C-alpha atoms as a PDB file:
ATOM      1  CA  MET A   1     110.271 170.926 107.593  1.00  0.00           C
ATOM      2  CA  PHE A   2     112.085 168.716 104.268  1.00  0.00           C
ATOM      3  CA  SER A   3     114.534 170.624 102.878  1.00  0.00           C
ATOM      4  CA  ALA A   4     117.084 169.736  99.763  1.00  0.00           C
ATOM      5  CA  ARG A   5     119.146 171.649  97.789  1.00  0.00           C
ATOM      6  CA  ASP A   6     119.345 171.641  93.978  1.00  0.00           C
ATOM      7  CA  PRO A   7     122.439 171.935  92.316  1.00  0.00           C
ATOM      8  CA  GLY A   8     120.734 173.013  89.253  1.00  0.00           C
ATOM      9  CA  ARG A   9     118.805 175.883  90.618  1.00  0.00           C
ATOM     10  CA  SER A  10     119.942 178.803  92.848  1.00  0.00           C
ATOM     11  CA  ALA A  11     117.943 177.301  95.731  1.00  0.00           C
ATOM     12  CA  GLY A  12     119.752 177.524  98.853  1.00  0.00           C
ATOM     13  CA  ARG A  13     120.127 175.575 102.173  1.00  0.00           C
ATOM     14  CA  GLY A  14     116.738 175.418 103.972  1.00  0.00           C
ATOM     15  CA  THR A  15     114.482 176.151 101.102  1.00  0.00           C
ATOM     16  CA  PRO A  16     111.687 173.692 101.235  1.00  0.00           C
ATOM     17  CA  ILE A  17     111.611 170.708  98.920  1.00  0.00           C
ATOM     18  CA  TRP A  18     108.262 171.280  97.397  1.00  0.00           C
ATOM     19  CA  THR A  19     109.894 174.571  96.149  1.00  0.00           C
ATOM     20  CA  VAL A  20     112.476 173.334  94.606  1.00  0.00           C
ATOM     21  CA  MET A  21     110.225 171.037  92.809  1.00  0.00           C
ATOM     22  CA  GLY A  22     108.135 173.723  91.576  1.00  0.00           C
ATOM     23  CA  CYS A  23     105.057 172.662  93.293  1.00  0.00           C
ATOM     24  CA  GLN A  24     102.783 174.370  96.188  1.00  0.00           C
ATOM     25  CA  PRO A  25     101.181 171.630  97.905  1.00  0.00           C
ATOM     26  CA  PHE A  26      99.443 173.767 100.246  1.00  0.00           C
ATOM     27  CA  ALA A  27      98.173 176.195  97.410  1.00  0.00           C
ATOM     28  CA  ARG A  28      94.862 174.993  97.313  1.00  0.00           C
ATOM     29  CA  PHE A  29      94.156 175.328 100.967  1.00  0.00           C
ATOM     30  CA  GLY A  30      95.451 179.372 100.873  1.00  0.00           C
ATOM     31  CA  HIS A  31      91.793 180.657 101.544  1.00  0.00           C
ATOM     32  CA  LEU A  32      91.861 178.964 104.735  1.00  0.00           C
ATOM     33  CA  MET A  33      94.960 180.725 106.068  1.00  0.00           C
ATOM     34  CA  HIS A  34      92.808 184.014 106.709  1.00  0.00           C
ATOM     35  CA  LYS A  35      89.206 182.933 108.095  1.00  0.00           C
ATOM     36  CA  LYS A  36      88.010 180.282 110.701  1.00  0.00           C
ATOM     37  CA  ILE A  37      88.410 177.001 109.780  1.00  0.00           C
ATOM     38  CA  LYS A  38      84.946 175.248 110.406  1.00  0.00           C
ATOM     39  CA  ILE A  39      85.265 171.601 111.350  1.00  0.00           C
ATOM     40  CA  LEU A  40      82.435 169.034 111.709  1.00  0.00           C
ATOM     41  CA  TYR A  41      83.168 166.055 113.854  1.00  0.00           C
ATOM     42  CA  CYS A  42      81.082 163.267 113.127  1.00  0.00           C
ATOM     43  CA  LEU A  43      80.474 160.459 115.725  1.00  0.00           C
ATOM     44  CA  ASP A  44      77.611 157.848 116.539  1.00  0.00           C
ATOM     45  CA  THR A  45      77.088 159.393 120.031  1.00  0.00           C
ATOM     46  CA  LEU A  46      77.978 161.180 122.671  1.00  0.00           C
ATOM     47  CA  GLU A  47      78.891 158.766 125.650  1.00  0.00           C
ATOM     48  CA  ARG A  48      81.636 158.172 128.041  1.00  0.00           C
ATOM     49  CA  GLY A  49      83.953 156.489 125.943  1.00  0.00           C
ATOM     50  CA  GLY A  50      87.702 156.921 125.151  1.00  0.00           C
ATOM     51  CA  THR A  51      87.115 158.339 121.737  1.00  0.00           C
ATOM     52  CA  GLU A  52      84.537 160.740 122.868  1.00  0.00           C
ATOM     53  CA  LEU A  53      86.200 162.080 125.723  1.00  0.00           C
ATOM     54  CA  GLN A  54      89.389 162.768 123.853  1.00  0.00           C
ATOM     55  CA  LEU A  55      87.297 164.705 120.821  1.00  0.00           C
ATOM     56  CA  LEU A  56      85.746 166.797 123.666  1.00  0.00           C
ATOM     57  CA  GLY A  57      89.111 167.311 125.115  1.00  0.00           C
ATOM     58  CA  LEU A  58      90.634 168.108 121.719  1.00  0.00           C
ATOM     59  CA  ILE A  59      87.523 170.618 121.058  1.00  0.00           C
ATOM     60  CA  ASP A  60      88.060 172.331 124.649  1.00  0.00           C
ATOM     61  CA  ARG A  61      91.429 173.124 123.697  1.00  0.00           C
ATOM     62  CA  LEU A  62      90.902 174.524 120.187  1.00  0.00           C
ATOM     63  CA  ASP A  63      91.657 178.172 119.578  1.00  0.00           C
ATOM     64  CA  ARG A  64      88.229 179.799 118.727  1.00  0.00           C
ATOM     65  CA  THR A  65      89.946 182.525 116.882  1.00  0.00           C
ATOM     66  CA  ARG A  66      90.965 179.992 114.011  1.00  0.00           C
ATOM     67  CA  PHE A  67      88.784 177.139 114.363  1.00  0.00           C
ATOM     68  CA  GLN A  68      84.796 176.709 114.761  1.00  0.00           C
ATOM     69  CA  PRO A  69      83.994 173.313 115.765  1.00  0.00           C
ATOM     70  CA  HIS A  70      80.675 171.678 114.913  1.00  0.00           C
ATOM     71  CA  VAL A  71      79.752 168.277 116.438  1.00  0.00           C
ATOM     72  CA  LEU A  72      77.274 165.967 114.801  1.00  0.00           C
ATOM     73  CA  ILE A  73      75.899 162.804 116.519  1.00  0.00           C
ATOM     74  CA  LEU A  74      73.832 160.326 114.827  1.00  0.00           C
ATOM     75  CA  LYS A  75      72.338 159.021 118.083  1.00  0.00           C
ATOM     76  CA  PRO A  76      70.967 160.450 121.149  1.00  0.00           C
ATOM     77  CA  GLY A  77      73.610 160.722 124.022  1.00  0.00           C
ATOM     78  CA  ASN A  78      74.573 162.175 126.723  1.00  0.00           C
ATOM     79  CA  PRO A  79      73.394 165.980 126.558  1.00  0.00           C
ATOM     80  CA  ASP A  80      75.859 166.971 129.510  1.00  0.00           C
ATOM     81  CA  LEU A  81      78.741 166.025 127.564  1.00  0.00           C
ATOM     82  CA  ALA A  82      77.872 168.475 124.492  1.00  0.00           C
ATOM     83  CA  PRO A  83      80.922 170.834 123.969  1.00  0.00           C
ATOM     84  CA  ARG A  84      80.511 174.657 124.724  1.00  0.00           C
ATOM     85  CA  GLU A  85      80.986 176.915 122.400  1.00  0.00           C
ATOM     86  CA  CYS A  86      80.471 174.842 119.577  1.00  0.00           C
ATOM     87  CA  VAL A  87      77.504 174.041 117.119  1.00  0.00           C
ATOM     88  CA  ASN A  88      75.993 170.661 118.454  1.00  0.00           C
ATOM     89  CA  VAL A  89      73.929 169.134 115.802  1.00  0.00           C
ATOM     90  CA  HIS A  90      71.648 165.583 116.282  1.00  0.00           C
ATOM     91  CA  TRP A  91      71.482 163.949 112.765  1.00  0.00           C
ATOM     92  CA  PRO A  92      69.259 160.923 113.417  1.00  0.00           C
ATOM     93  CA  THR A  93      69.783 158.765 110.234  1.00  0.00           C
ATOM     94  CA  GLY A  94      68.564 155.352 111.231  1.00  0.00           C
ATOM     95  CA  ARG A  95      70.528 152.750 109.204  1.00  0.00           C
ATOM     96  CA  VAL A  96      72.879 154.512 106.830  1.00  0.00           C
ATOM     97  CA  VAL A  97      72.661 152.007 104.068  1.00  0.00           C
ATOM     98  CA  SER A  98      69.060 151.928 103.014  1.00  0.00           C
ATOM     99  CA  PRO A  99      66.687 155.020 101.292  1.00  0.00           C
ATOM    100  CA  ARG A 100      66.867 157.248 104.518  1.00  0.00           C
ATOM    101  CA  GLY A 101      70.300 156.947 104.687  1.00  0.00           C
ATOM    102  CA  ALA A 102      71.004 158.023 101.186  1.00  0.00           C
ATOM    103  CA  ALA A 103      68.595 160.781 101.749  1.00  0.00           C
ATOM    104  CA  SER A 104      70.378 161.805 104.824  1.00  0.00           C
ATOM    105  CA  ILE A 105      73.750 161.910 102.775  1.00  0.00           C
ATOM    106  CA  PHE A 106      72.423 164.204 100.512  1.00  0.00           C
ATOM    107  CA  ARG A 107      70.900 166.485 103.201  1.00  0.00           C
ATOM    108  CA  LEU A 108      74.224 166.460 105.059  1.00  0.00           C
ATOM    109  CA  GLY A 109      76.140 167.209 101.941  1.00  0.00           C
ATOM    110  CA  ARG A 110      73.872 170.244 101.276  1.00  0.00           C
ATOM    111  CA  TYR A 111      74.059 171.122 105.019  1.00  0.00           C
ATOM    112  CA  CYS A 112      78.005 171.188 104.555  1.00  0.00           C
ATOM    113  CA  ARG A 113      78.038 173.192 101.127  1.00  0.00           C
ATOM    114  CA  GLU A 114      75.742 175.764 102.861  1.00  0.00           C
ATOM    115  CA  LEU A 115      77.891 176.067 105.873  1.00  0.00           C
ATOM    116  CA  GLY A 116      80.782 176.380 104.086  1.00  0.00           C
ATOM    117  CA  ILE A 117      82.515 173.141 105.980  1.00  0.00           C
ATOM    118  CA  ASP A 118      86.296 172.946 105.574  1.00  0.00           C
ATOM    119  CA  VAL A 119      87.107 169.735 107.303  1.00  0.00           C
ATOM    120  CA  ILE A 120      85.190 166.839 108.103  1.00  0.00           C
ATOM    121  CA  GLN A 121      86.613 164.555 110.627  1.00  0.00           C
ATOM    122  CA  THR A 122      84.676 161.368 111.169  1.00  0.00           C
ATOM    123  CA  TYR A 123      84.833 158.540 114.121  1.00  0.00           C
ATOM    124  CA  PHE A 124      83.408 154.695 113.675  1.00  0.00           C
ATOM    125  CA  GLN A 125      81.936 153.242 110.756  1.00  0.00           C
ATOM    126  CA  ASN A 126      78.503 154.863 110.277  1.00  0.00           C
ATOM    127  CA  PRO A 127      79.628 157.905 110.615  1.00  0.00           C
ATOM    128  CA  THR A 128      82.465 157.632 108.412  1.00  0.00           C
ATOM    129  CA  ILE A 129      80.083 156.344 105.479  1.00  0.00           C
ATOM    130  CA  LEU A 130      77.760 159.252 106.233  1.00  0.00           C
ATOM    131  CA  GLY A 131      80.346 161.905 106.717  1.00  0.00           C
ATOM    132  CA  GLY A 132      82.723 160.690 103.828  1.00  0.00           C
ATOM    133  CA  LEU A 133      80.199 160.882 101.198  1.00  0.00           C
ATOM    134  CA  ALA A 134      78.141 163.712 101.909  1.00  0.00           C
ATOM    135  CA  GLY A 135      81.928 165.770 102.456  1.00  0.00           C
ATOM    136  CA  LYS A 136      82.377 164.505  98.843  1.00  0.00           C
ATOM    137  CA  LEU A 137      79.058 165.812  97.624  1.00  0.00           C
ATOM    138  CA  GLY A 138      78.959 168.890  99.643  1.00  0.00           C
ATOM    139  CA  GLY A 139      82.600 169.978  98.094  1.00  0.00           C
ATOM    140  CA  VAL A 140      84.367 169.786 101.824  1.00  0.00           C
ATOM    141  CA  PRO A 141      87.913 170.014 100.987  1.00  0.00           C
ATOM    142  CA  VAL A 142      89.302 167.729 103.743  1.00  0.00           C
ATOM    143  CA  ARG A 143      87.915 164.307 104.627  1.00  0.00           C
ATOM    144  CA  LEU A 144      89.590 162.292 107.489  1.00  0.00           C
ATOM    145  CA  ALA A 145      88.558 159.270 108.693  1.00  0.00           C
ATOM    146  CA  SER A 146      89.374 157.780 112.335  1.00  0.00           C
ATOM    147  CA  PHE A 147      89.019 154.382 113.511  1.00  0.00           C
ATOM    148  CA  ARG A 148      90.096 153.996 117.138  1.00  0.00           C
ATOM    149  CA  ASP A 149      88.112 150.878 117.941  1.00  0.00           C
ATOM    150  CA  MET A 150      89.822 147.738 116.894  1.00  0.00           C
ATOM    151  CA  GLY A 151      86.562 145.589 117.614  1.00  0.00           C
ATOM    152  CA  TYR A 152      87.455 144.263 120.923  1.00  0.00           C
END
């Protein structure tokens, strides 16, 4: 934790720097401290790839008393890899940049709003376009994009 002393105030040693500066960076997320945080992970498909297996390992280790994971895939994959104790959603979209893709973005935004999704984390290009825009439309406060494939 960063800390600073401000000689002009009575802030003591170890006081968080944002308190000294008069701001509260996590104040808008205070409502998440007392409920399960709903995380929607978006990816192309579930296959035996590096990103997919790392995500499945992460989901398996999440504290279910604090987090409620949801996995959204755009294309059918290996059903044996679908994580247990997790909401699994197949969201067929086709081309993301198309009229059908635009409709899918609006539908996913509504889905996020109705479920009260708190965090969207996307992997790869199409899920990032779909999930990022839908999260913005659906009022999801935290949207993360993860790119692991460098095109090799």
